[in-house]
C-alpha atoms as a PDB file:
ATOM      1  CA  MET A   1     -73.793  23.098 -36.237  1.00  0.00           C
ATOM      2  CA  ILE A   2     -72.035  24.644 -38.952  1.00  0.00           C
ATOM      3  CA  LEU A   3     -74.003  28.068 -39.008  1.00  0.00           C
ATOM      4  CA  GLY A   4     -73.817  28.254 -34.746  1.00  0.00           C
ATOM      5  CA  VAL A   5     -70.108  28.007 -35.352  1.00  0.00           C
ATOM      6  CA  LEU A   6     -69.876  31.157 -37.706  1.00  0.00           C
ATOM      7  CA  LEU A   7     -72.372  32.937 -35.904  1.00  0.00           C
ATOM      8  CA  LEU A   8     -70.256  32.476 -32.697  1.00  0.00           C
ATOM      9  CA  ALA A   9     -66.929  33.254 -34.637  1.00  0.00           C
ATOM     10  CA  VAL A  10     -68.685  36.381 -36.245  1.00  0.00           C
ATOM     11  CA  ALA A  11     -70.092  37.676 -32.775  1.00  0.00           C
ATOM     12  CA  ALA A  12     -66.372  37.341 -31.375  1.00  0.00           C
ATOM     13  CA  TRP A  13     -65.152  39.442 -33.798  1.00  0.00           C
ATOM     14  CA  VAL A  14     -67.877  41.903 -33.191  1.00  0.00           C
ATOM     15  CA  VAL A  15     -67.637  42.187 -29.549  1.00  0.00           C
ATOM     16  CA  VAL A  16     -63.463  42.230 -29.798  1.00  0.00           C
ATOM     17  CA  ALA A  17     -64.325  45.239 -32.519  1.00  0.00           C
ATOM     18  CA  ARG A  18     -66.684  46.880 -30.294  1.00  0.00           C
ATOM     19  CA  THR A  19     -63.952  46.671 -27.140  1.00  0.00           C
ATOM     20  CA  ARG A  20     -61.645  48.744 -29.136  1.00  0.00           C
ATOM     21  CA  ALA A  21     -61.649  52.540 -28.540  1.00  0.00           C
ATOM     22  CA  ARG A  22     -62.210  55.324 -31.243  1.00  0.00           C
ATOM     23  CA  GLY A  23     -59.964  57.756 -31.228  1.00  0.00           C
ATOM     24  CA  ASP A  24     -56.160  58.547 -32.336  1.00  0.00           C
ATOM     25  CA  GLY A  25     -53.912  56.616 -30.263  1.00  0.00           C
ATOM     26  CA  ALA A  26     -56.575  55.209 -28.237  1.00  0.00           C
ATOM     27  CA  VAL A  27     -55.991  52.175 -26.121  1.00  0.00           C
ATOM     28  CA  THR A  28     -57.952  48.903 -25.781  1.00  0.00           C
ATOM     29  CA  GLN A  29     -60.680  49.011 -23.527  1.00  0.00           C
ATOM     30  CA  SER A  30     -61.997  46.271 -21.107  1.00  0.00           C
ATOM     31  CA  LEU A  31     -64.952  44.639 -21.788  1.00  0.00           C
ATOM     32  CA  SER A  32     -66.554  45.971 -18.268  1.00  0.00           C
ATOM     33  CA  SER A  33     -66.135  49.649 -19.075  1.00  0.00           C
ATOM     34  CA  VAL A  34     -67.771  48.843 -22.543  1.00  0.00           C
ATOM     35  CA  VAL A  35     -70.411  46.988 -21.054  1.00  0.00           C
ATOM     36  CA  LEU A  36     -71.098  49.674 -18.728  1.00  0.00           C
ATOM     37  CA  ARG A  37     -70.815  51.846 -21.506  1.00  0.00           C
ATOM     38  CA  ALA A  38     -73.957  50.109 -23.166  1.00  0.00           C
ATOM     39  CA  LEU A  39     -75.727  49.496 -20.438  1.00  0.00           C
ATOM     40  CA  ALA A  40     -76.078  53.546 -19.962  1.00  0.00           C
ATOM     41  CA  GLY A  41     -78.093  53.149 -23.036  1.00  0.00           C
ATOM     42  CA  GLY A  42     -80.537  51.411 -21.804  1.00  0.00           C
ATOM     43  CA  SER A  43     -81.632  50.953 -18.341  1.00  0.00           C
ATOM     44  CA  SER A  44     -84.030  53.396 -16.433  1.00  0.00           C
ATOM     45  CA  VAL A  45     -83.422  56.777 -15.742  1.00  0.00           C
ATOM     46  CA  ARG A  46     -82.132  56.428 -12.259  1.00  0.00           C
ATOM     47  CA  ASP A  47     -79.826  53.561 -13.280  1.00  0.00           C
ATOM     48  CA  ARG A  48     -78.664  55.634 -16.525  1.00  0.00           C
ATOM     49  CA  ASP A  49     -77.698  58.907 -14.076  1.00  0.00           C
ATOM     50  CA  TRP A  50     -75.608  56.429 -11.490  1.00  0.00           C
ATOM     51  CA  ILE A  51     -74.217  54.982 -14.742  1.00  0.00           C
ATOM     52  CA  ALA A  52     -73.540  58.243 -15.959  1.00  0.00           C
ATOM     53  CA  ALA A  53     -71.618  59.068 -13.039  1.00  0.00           C
ATOM     54  CA  MET A  54     -69.860  56.279 -12.808  1.00  0.00           C
ATOM     55  CA  VAL A  55     -68.704  56.230 -16.602  1.00  0.00           C
ATOM     56  CA  ALA A  56     -66.918  60.166 -15.564  1.00  0.00           C
ATOM     57  CA  GLU A  57     -65.450  58.408 -12.632  1.00  0.00           C
ATOM     58  CA  HIS A  58     -64.050  55.830 -14.568  1.00  0.00           C
ATOM     59  CA  ASP A  59     -62.578  57.685 -17.246  1.00  0.00           C
ATOM     60  CA  ALA A  60     -60.759  60.106 -14.385  1.00  0.00           C
ATOM     61  CA  ILE A  61     -58.561  56.958 -13.408  1.00  0.00           C
ATOM     62  CA  THR A  62     -55.223  57.430 -14.740  1.00  0.00           C
ATOM     63  CA  ASP A  63     -54.128  53.788 -13.874  1.00  0.00           C
ATOM     64  CA  PRO A  64     -55.912  51.290 -16.473  1.00  0.00           C
ATOM     65  CA  ALA A  65     -55.956  48.304 -14.382  1.00  0.00           C
ATOM     66  CA  GLY A  66     -57.688  50.786 -11.725  1.00  0.00           C
ATOM     67  CA  ARG A  67     -60.527  51.545 -14.619  1.00  0.00           C
ATOM     68  CA  ARG A  68     -60.680  48.028 -14.899  1.00  0.00           C
ATOM     69  CA  ARG A  69     -61.121  47.206 -11.188  1.00  0.00           C
ATOM     70  CA  PHE A  70     -63.874  50.180 -11.365  1.00  0.00           C
ATOM     71  CA  ALA A  71     -65.523  49.023 -14.217  1.00  0.00           C
ATOM     72  CA  ARG A  72     -66.202  45.650 -12.701  1.00  0.00           C
ATOM     73  CA  GLY A  73     -67.138  46.536  -9.520  1.00  0.00           C
ATOM     74  CA  CYS A  74     -69.681  49.128 -11.018  1.00  0.00           C
ATOM     75  CA  LEU A  75     -71.325  46.145 -12.955  1.00  0.00           C
ATOM     76  CA  ALA A  76     -71.521  43.623  -9.690  1.00  0.00           C
ATOM     77  CA  ALA A  77     -73.170  46.492  -7.924  1.00  0.00           C
ATOM     78  CA  LEU A  78     -75.799  47.029 -10.693  1.00  0.00           C
ATOM     79  CA  ALA A  79     -76.196  43.118 -10.645  1.00  0.00           C
ATOM     80  CA  THR A  80     -76.064  42.592  -6.791  1.00  0.00           C
ATOM     81  CA  THR A  81     -78.000  45.949  -5.740  1.00  0.00           C
ATOM     82  CA  PRO A  82     -81.810  45.512  -5.236  1.00  0.00           C
ATOM     83  CA  ARG A  83     -83.811  48.209  -6.795  1.00  0.00           C
ATOM     84  CA  ALA A  84     -87.242  49.277  -7.537  1.00  0.00           C
ATOM     85  CA  ALA A  85     -88.203  46.775 -10.802  1.00  0.00           C
ATOM     86  CA  ASP A  86     -91.451  48.052 -13.046  1.00  0.00           C
ATOM     87  CA  THR A  87     -94.400  45.744 -14.010  1.00  0.00           C
ATOM     88  CA  THR A  88     -92.574  44.338 -17.024  1.00  0.00           C
ATOM     89  CA  THR A  89     -89.515  43.242 -15.289  1.00  0.00           C
ATOM     90  CA  TRP A  90     -91.596  41.377 -12.429  1.00  0.00           C
ATOM     91  CA  LEU A  91     -93.443  39.583 -14.909  1.00  0.00           C
ATOM     92  CA  VAL A  92     -90.278  38.045 -16.924  1.00  0.00           C
ATOM     93  CA  ARG A  93     -88.883  37.315 -14.021  1.00  0.00           C
ATOM     94  CA  LEU A  94     -91.567  35.667 -13.040  1.00  0.00           C
ATOM     95  CA  GLY A  95     -92.036  34.123 -16.564  1.00  0.00           C
ATOM     96  CA  LEU A  96     -88.361  32.726 -16.527  1.00  0.00           C
ATOM     97  CA  ALA A  97     -88.685  31.374 -13.028  1.00  0.00           C
ATOM     98  CA  SER A  98     -92.181  29.370 -14.213  1.00  0.00           C
ATOM     99  CA  ALA A  99     -89.275  28.017 -17.129  1.00  0.00           C
ATOM    100  CA  VAL A 100     -86.796  27.141 -14.666  1.00  0.00           C
ATOM    101  CA  ALA A 101     -89.369  25.589 -12.598  1.00  0.00           C
ATOM    102  CA  GLY A 102     -90.522  23.586 -15.100  1.00  0.00           C
ATOM    103  CA  ALA A 103     -87.265  22.458 -17.042  1.00  0.00           C
ATOM    104  CA  VAL A 104     -86.391  21.121 -13.393  1.00  0.00           C
ATOM    105  CA  ALA A 105     -89.822  19.312 -12.878  1.00  0.00           C
ATOM    106  CA  LEU A 106     -88.827  17.772 -16.120  1.00  0.00           C
ATOM    107  CA  ALA A 107     -85.307  16.537 -15.265  1.00  0.00           C
ATOM    108  CA  GLY A 108     -86.558  15.223 -11.750  1.00  0.00           C
ATOM    109  CA  PHE A 109     -89.659  13.300 -13.823  1.00  0.00           C
ATOM    110  CA  GLY A 110     -87.434  11.534 -16.189  1.00  0.00           C
ATOM    111  CA  LEU A 111     -84.909  10.396 -13.238  1.00  0.00           C
ATOM    112  CA  TRP A 112     -87.785   9.162 -11.379  1.00  0.00           C
ATOM    113  CA  ARG A 113     -90.090   7.468 -14.320  1.00  0.00           C
ATOM    114  CA  TYR A 114     -87.268   5.931 -16.063  1.00  0.00           C
ATOM    115  CA  PRO A 115     -84.703   4.612 -13.218  1.00  0.00           C
ATOM    116  CA  GLY A 116     -82.757   3.083 -16.039  1.00  0.00           C
ATOM    117  CA  VAL A 117     -81.287   6.827 -16.819  1.00  0.00           C
ATOM    118  CA  ARG A 118     -79.446   6.652 -13.876  1.00  0.00           C
ATOM    119  CA  VAL A 119     -76.985   3.701 -14.322  1.00  0.00           C
ATOM    120  CA  GLY A 120     -73.489   4.248 -14.463  1.00  0.00           C
ATOM    121  CA  VAL A 121     -71.679   7.822 -14.007  1.00  0.00           C
ATOM    122  CA  ALA A 122     -72.594   9.272 -17.262  1.00  0.00           C
ATOM    123  CA  TRP A 123     -76.061  10.899 -16.022  1.00  0.00           C
ATOM    124  CA  LEU A 124     -74.091  12.421 -13.314  1.00  0.00           C
ATOM    125  CA  ALA A 125     -71.877  14.718 -15.880  1.00  0.00           C
ATOM    126  CA  TYR A 126     -75.307  14.989 -17.644  1.00  0.00           C
ATOM    127  CA  LEU A 127     -77.200  16.301 -14.472  1.00  0.00           C
ATOM    128  CA  TRP A 128     -74.177  18.570 -13.680  1.00  0.00           C
ATOM    129  CA  ILE A 129     -73.838  20.339 -17.473  1.00  0.00           C
ATOM    130  CA  PHE A 130     -77.863  20.814 -16.489  1.00  0.00           C
ATOM    131  CA  ALA A 131     -77.787  22.246 -13.330  1.00  0.00           C
ATOM    132  CA  VAL A 132     -74.823  24.894 -14.659  1.00  0.00           C
ATOM    133  CA  ALA A 133     -76.416  25.740 -18.131  1.00  0.00           C
ATOM    134  CA  LEU A 134     -79.676  26.456 -16.020  1.00  0.00           C
ATOM    135  CA  THR A 135     -77.930  28.467 -13.490  1.00  0.00           C
ATOM    136  CA  ALA A 136     -76.435  30.667 -16.199  1.00  0.00           C
ATOM    137  CA  CYS A 137     -79.907  30.813 -17.980  1.00  0.00           C
ATOM    138  CA  ALA A 138     -81.915  32.061 -14.425  1.00  0.00           C
ATOM    139  CA  LEU A 139     -78.774  34.781 -13.911  1.00  0.00           C
ATOM    140  CA  ALA A 140     -78.707  36.151 -17.055  1.00  0.00           C
ATOM    141  CA  GLY A 141     -82.454  36.362 -17.403  1.00  0.00           C
ATOM    142  CA  TYR A 142     -82.889  37.644 -13.885  1.00  0.00           C
ATOM    143  CA  VAL A 143     -80.368  40.557 -15.075  1.00  0.00           C
ATOM    144  CA  VAL A 144     -81.505  41.400 -18.736  1.00  0.00           C
ATOM    145  CA  ALA A 145     -84.900  41.251 -17.228  1.00  0.00           C
ATOM    146  CA  ARG A 146     -84.932  45.169 -16.674  1.00  0.00           C
ATOM    147  CA  VAL A 147     -82.530  46.357 -19.227  1.00  0.00           C
ATOM    148  CA  GLY A 148     -84.624  48.227 -22.044  1.00  0.00           C
ATOM    149  CA  SER A 149     -88.308  49.393 -22.683  1.00  0.00           C
ATOM    150  CA  PRO A 150     -90.840  47.395 -21.631  1.00  0.00           C
ATOM    151  CA  ALA A 151     -92.091  46.763 -25.276  1.00  0.00           C
ATOM    152  CA  ALA A 152     -88.658  45.775 -26.301  1.00  0.00           C
ATOM    153  CA  ARG A 153     -88.513  43.333 -23.405  1.00  0.00           C
ATOM    154  CA  VAL A 154     -92.297  41.790 -24.227  1.00  0.00           C
ATOM    155  CA  THR A 155     -90.850  41.515 -27.875  1.00  0.00           C
ATOM    156  CA  ALA A 156     -87.738  39.196 -27.068  1.00  0.00           C
ATOM    157  CA  VAL A 157     -90.214  37.132 -25.041  1.00  0.00           C
ATOM    158  CA  GLY A 158     -92.952  37.252 -27.376  1.00  0.00           C
ATOM    159  CA  MET A 159     -90.069  36.306 -30.208  1.00  0.00           C
ATOM    160  CA  ALA A 160     -88.761  33.285 -28.408  1.00  0.00           C
ATOM    161  CA  LEU A 161     -92.409  31.564 -27.868  1.00  0.00           C
ATOM    162  CA  PRO A 162     -92.392  29.599 -31.674  1.00  0.00           C
ATOM    163  CA  ALA A 163     -89.685  27.794 -29.558  1.00  0.00           C
ATOM    164  CA  LEU A 164     -92.312  25.575 -28.207  1.00  0.00           C
ATOM    165  CA  PRO A 165     -93.858  24.028 -31.177  1.00  0.00           C
ATOM    166  CA  LEU A 166     -90.443  23.807 -32.709  1.00  0.00           C
ATOM    167  CA  SER A 167     -89.077  21.774 -30.571  1.00  0.00           C
ATOM    168  CA  TRP A 168     -92.379  19.632 -29.876  1.00  0.00           C
ATOM    169  CA  TYR A 169     -91.823  19.144 -33.465  1.00  0.00           C
ATOM    170  CA  ALA A 170     -88.276  17.890 -33.439  1.00  0.00           C
ATOM    171  CA  ALA A 171     -89.080  15.634 -30.720  1.00  0.00           C
ATOM    172  CA  ALA A 172     -92.120  13.938 -32.564  1.00  0.00           C
ATOM    173  CA  HIS A 173     -90.537  13.366 -35.737  1.00  0.00           C
ATOM    174  CA  ASN A 174     -86.952  11.373 -36.294  1.00  0.00           C
ATOM    175  CA  SER A 175     -86.063  13.273 -39.552  1.00  0.00           C
ATOM    176  CA  ALA A 176     -83.469  15.720 -40.651  1.00  0.00           C
ATOM    177  CA  THR A 177     -86.280  18.784 -40.784  1.00  0.00           C
ATOM    178  CA  ALA A 178     -87.044  17.886 -37.340  1.00  0.00           C
ATOM    179  CA  VAL A 179     -83.502  18.306 -36.261  1.00  0.00           C
ATOM    180  CA  GLY A 180     -83.163  21.521 -38.612  1.00  0.00           C
ATOM    181  CA  ALA A 181     -86.269  23.046 -36.979  1.00  0.00           C
ATOM    182  CA  ALA A 182     -84.890  22.289 -32.975  1.00  0.00           C
ATOM    183  CA  LEU A 183     -81.577  24.380 -34.159  1.00  0.00           C
ATOM    184  CA  ALA A 184     -83.582  27.055 -36.527  1.00  0.00           C
ATOM    185  CA  VAL A 185     -84.617  28.591 -33.122  1.00  0.00           C
ATOM    186  CA  VAL A 186     -80.729  30.042 -32.816  1.00  0.00           C
ATOM    187  CA  LEU A 187     -82.391  32.583 -35.300  1.00  0.00           C
ATOM    188  CA  LEU A 188     -85.098  34.567 -33.485  1.00  0.00           C
ATOM    189  CA  PRO A 189     -82.909  36.292 -30.725  1.00  0.00           C
ATOM    190  CA  GLY A 190     -81.239  38.137 -34.224  1.00  0.00           C
ATOM    191  CA  ALA A 191     -84.606  38.929 -35.012  1.00  0.00           C
ATOM    192  CA  ALA A 192     -85.528  40.060 -31.381  1.00  0.00           C
ATOM    193  CA  ALA A 193     -82.682  41.924 -31.136  1.00  0.00           C
ATOM    194  CA  GLY A 194     -83.317  43.625 -34.445  1.00  0.00           C
ATOM    195  CA  LEU A 195     -87.009  45.156 -33.463  1.00  0.00           C
ATOM    196  CA  ALA A 196     -85.732  46.035 -29.894  1.00  0.00           C
ATOM    197  CA  ARG A 197     -82.969  48.177 -31.950  1.00  0.00           C
ATOM    198  CA  ARG A 198     -86.220  49.832 -33.804  1.00  0.00           C
ATOM    199  CA  ILE A 199     -87.941  50.366 -30.732  1.00  0.00           C
ATOM    200  CA  ASP A 200     -85.255  51.687 -28.079  1.00  0.00           C
ATOM    201  CA  ARG A 201     -82.878  53.046 -30.924  1.00  0.00           C
ATOM    202  CA  THR A 202     -79.922  51.739 -28.577  1.00  0.00           C
ATOM    203  CA  ARG A 203     -77.406  48.845 -29.132  1.00  0.00           C
ATOM    204  CA  ALA A 204     -77.224  48.122 -25.511  1.00  0.00           C
ATOM    205  CA  ALA A 205     -81.325  47.512 -25.364  1.00  0.00           C
ATOM    206  CA  ALA A 206     -80.941  45.219 -28.608  1.00  0.00           C
ATOM    207  CA  VAL A 207     -78.243  42.909 -26.702  1.00  0.00           C
ATOM    208  CA  ALA A 208     -80.485  42.583 -23.855  1.00  0.00           C
ATOM    209  CA  ALA A 209     -83.244  41.808 -25.842  1.00  0.00           C
ATOM    210  CA  ALA A 210     -81.422  39.361 -27.490  1.00  0.00           C
ATOM    211  CA  ALA A 211     -79.565  38.002 -24.741  1.00  0.00           C
ATOM    212  CA  LEU A 212     -83.522  37.768 -22.942  1.00  0.00           C
ATOM    213  CA  CYS A 213     -84.895  36.177 -25.928  1.00  0.00           C
ATOM    214  CA  ALA A 214     -82.029  33.812 -26.176  1.00  0.00           C
ATOM    215  CA  VAL A 215     -82.374  32.348 -22.538  1.00  0.00           C
ATOM    216  CA  THR A 216     -86.320  32.051 -23.459  1.00  0.00           C
ATOM    217  CA  THR A 217     -85.374  30.502 -26.305  1.00  0.00           C
ATOM    218  CA  GLY A 218     -83.518  27.834 -24.350  1.00  0.00           C
ATOM    219  CA  LEU A 219     -85.859  27.027 -21.962  1.00  0.00           C
ATOM    220  CA  LEU A 220     -88.554  26.796 -24.190  1.00  0.00           C
ATOM    221  CA  SER A 221     -86.628  24.292 -26.037  1.00  0.00           C
ATOM    222  CA  PHE A 222     -85.807  22.270 -23.344  1.00  0.00           C
ATOM    223  CA  ILE A 223     -89.245  22.104 -22.030  1.00  0.00           C
ATOM    224  CA  GLY A 224     -91.107  21.270 -25.455  1.00  0.00           C
ATOM    225  CA  TYR A 225     -88.502  18.680 -26.579  1.00  0.00           C
ATOM    226  CA  VAL A 226     -88.249  16.879 -23.227  1.00  0.00           C
ATOM    227  CA  ALA A 227     -92.179  17.499 -22.806  1.00  0.00           C
ATOM    228  CA  THR A 228     -92.953  15.671 -26.032  1.00  0.00           C
ATOM    229  CA  THR A 229     -90.571  12.796 -25.589  1.00  0.00           C
ATOM    230  CA  TYR A 230     -92.315  11.894 -22.177  1.00  0.00           C
ATOM    231  CA  ALA A 231     -95.723  11.930 -23.871  1.00  0.00           C
ATOM    232  CA  THR A 232     -94.291   9.979 -26.561  1.00  0.00           C
ATOM    233  CA  HIS A 233     -91.954   7.843 -24.566  1.00  0.00           C
ATOM    234  CA  GLY A 234     -88.879   8.272 -26.443  1.00  0.00           C
ATOM    235  CA  GLY A 235     -90.406   9.032 -29.889  1.00  0.00           C
ATOM    236  CA  PRO A 236     -90.611   7.233 -33.255  1.00  0.00           C
ATOM    237  CA  SER A 237     -87.991   4.667 -33.855  1.00  0.00           C
ATOM    238  CA  SER A 238     -86.084   3.990 -36.730  1.00  0.00           C
ATOM    239  CA  PRO A 239     -83.896   1.324 -38.028  1.00  0.00           C
ATOM    240  CA  SER A 240     -80.956   3.471 -36.713  1.00  0.00           C
ATOM    241  CA  THR A 241     -81.929   4.228 -33.754  1.00  0.00           C
ATOM    242  CA  TRP A 242     -83.352   0.706 -32.922  1.00  0.00           C
ATOM    243  CA  ALA A 243     -79.575  -0.633 -33.883  1.00  0.00           C
ATOM    244  CA  GLU A 244     -77.900   1.627 -31.283  1.00  0.00           C
ATOM    245  CA  TYR A 245     -80.649   0.835 -28.834  1.00  0.00           C
ATOM    246  CA  LEU A 246     -79.725  -2.818 -29.257  1.00  0.00           C
ATOM    247  CA  ALA A 247     -75.783  -2.005 -29.048  1.00  0.00           C
ATOM    248  CA  SER A 248     -76.231   0.742 -26.360  1.00  0.00           C
ATOM    249  CA  GLY A 249     -77.365  -2.374 -23.822  1.00  0.00           C
ATOM    250  CA  ALA A 250     -80.479  -0.413 -22.350  1.00  0.00           C
ATOM    251  CA  PRO A 251     -83.308  -2.500 -20.289  1.00  0.00           C
ATOM    252  CA  ASP A 252     -85.892  -1.281 -23.011  1.00  0.00           C
ATOM    253  CA  TYR A 253     -85.879   1.084 -25.705  1.00  0.00           C
ATOM    254  CA  PRO A 254     -88.050   3.802 -23.979  1.00  0.00           C
ATOM    255  CA  THR A 255     -85.498   3.961 -21.733  1.00  0.00           C
ATOM    256  CA  TRP A 256     -82.596   4.319 -24.241  1.00  0.00           C
ATOM    257  CA  ALA A 257     -84.737   6.721 -26.179  1.00  0.00           C
ATOM    258  CA  VAL A 258     -85.223   9.000 -22.834  1.00  0.00           C
ATOM    259  CA  SER A 259     -82.025   8.880 -21.889  1.00  0.00           C
ATOM    260  CA  ASP A 260     -80.694  10.188 -25.135  1.00  0.00           C
ATOM    261  CA  ASN A 261     -82.966  12.851 -25.984  1.00  0.00           C
ATOM    262  CA  LEU A 262     -82.427  14.080 -22.179  1.00  0.00           C
ATOM    263  CA  GLY A 263     -78.757  14.481 -23.136  1.00  0.00           C
ATOM    264  CA  GLY A 264     -79.789  16.152 -26.924  1.00  0.00           C
ATOM    265  CA  ALA A 265     -82.170  18.738 -24.666  1.00  0.00           C
ATOM    266  CA  CYS A 266     -79.003  19.513 -22.075  1.00  0.00           C
ATOM    267  CA  PHE A 267     -77.326  20.221 -25.584  1.00  0.00           C
ATOM    268  CA  LEU A 268     -79.709  22.747 -26.719  1.00  0.00           C
ATOM    269  CA  LEU A 269     -79.900  24.509 -23.400  1.00  0.00           C
ATOM    270  CA  ILE A 270     -75.961  25.174 -23.950  1.00  0.00           C
ATOM    271  CA  PHE A 271     -76.124  25.826 -27.513  1.00  0.00           C
ATOM    272  CA  ILE A 272     -79.398  27.657 -28.285  1.00  0.00           C
ATOM    273  CA  PRO A 273     -78.611  30.594 -25.787  1.00  0.00           C
ATOM    274  CA  LEU A 274     -74.993  30.844 -26.673  1.00  0.00           C
ATOM    275  CA  VAL A 275     -75.692  30.740 -30.435  1.00  0.00           C
ATOM    276  CA  GLY A 276     -78.766  32.926 -30.299  1.00  0.00           C
ATOM    277  CA  LEU A 277     -77.093  35.692 -28.339  1.00  0.00           C
ATOM    278  CA  ALA A 278     -74.087  35.697 -30.970  1.00  0.00           C
ATOM    279  CA  ALA A 279     -77.158  35.884 -33.783  1.00  0.00           C
ATOM    280  CA  GLY A 280     -78.508  39.219 -31.769  1.00  0.00           C
ATOM    281  CA  ILE A 281     -75.009  40.444 -31.207  1.00  0.00           C
ATOM    282  CA  VAL A 282     -74.378  39.953 -35.296  1.00  0.00           C
ATOM    283  CA  ALA A 283     -77.931  41.450 -36.031  1.00  0.00           C
ATOM    284  CA  THR A 284     -76.674  44.847 -33.550  1.00  0.00           C
ATOM    285  CA  ALA A 285     -74.029  45.729 -35.857  1.00  0.00           C
ATOM    286  CA  VAL A 286     -76.545  46.918 -38.253  1.00  0.00           C
ATOM    287  CA  ARG A 287     -77.755  49.997 -38.174  1.00  0.00           C
ATOM    288  CA  PRO A 288     -81.148  50.136 -37.879  1.00  0.00           C
ATOM    289  CA  GLY A 289     -82.697  52.437 -40.594  1.00  0.00           C
ATOM    290  CA  ARG A 290     -84.325  55.861 -39.647  1.00  0.00           C
ATOM    291  CA  PRO A 291     -88.298  55.513 -38.672  1.00  0.00           C
ATOM    292  CA  THR A 292     -90.298  56.804 -41.311  1.00  0.00           C
ATOM    293  CA  ARG A 293     -92.661  60.020 -41.271  1.00  0.00           C
ATOM    294  CA  ALA A 294     -96.128  59.971 -41.963  1.00  0.00           C
ATOM    295  CA  THR A 295     -96.692  62.242 -45.034  1.00  0.00           C
ATOM    296  CA  ALA A 296     -98.984  65.191 -44.859  1.00  0.00           C
END
């Protein structure tokens, strides 16, 4: 938790520093214009040419408010306009769609298999949080799935795969090590950003890879944690968890344990993508080393 807060704080500082224009007397740029310029280095050739033209038109606007509105409009057009996607984009989006569908199926199964979870109104709040977090992950993944080279995007998805066994371990073991395993995956997007920076040599592609890895890691962590919870009927018990169950008034221990773990999984679905993206942003602030040349 402390590491996550520190990463969020450092990432916020990096973003603020990057949004300030360089040069004497330059004013602070809007975040939209900074993102627009960054995307110019990580998009396809056709999009890159269009973005370059839009950046030139943006710079020609003298009114600051007009520049901000223009940049936001360009970003909205990039996010909503249908365009041809390469094979890697479709494969990544298919994988993300499968993960989203799996998360929805697991959540629905838990609500059906353990009706005691649906007692009171607290479960409705968790359901709303789950729906918002899942929608945000799906939209973010859909957008960044086409940013960067195929190798960088495949690397980002591949770096997220350890989230599955680590989330299984976290749900199957009741220990501090298990909690650490569940939260350690926030470092994976930072590694993905570093590798993408070395592959594509652009900060935009590195941030996109971090975002893609963070979203995928969050989804896989949710799936692994919840699936293991169902398979173990709430996971192992301890004197402390048994005391919490007795004080909760739940009808049986598996219902209480599943309800508690579902709440924890919703937390992971929010915490991991946010902190993982922060780790990726921090990683992009480090300049990559020059590619080595083979000696004759």
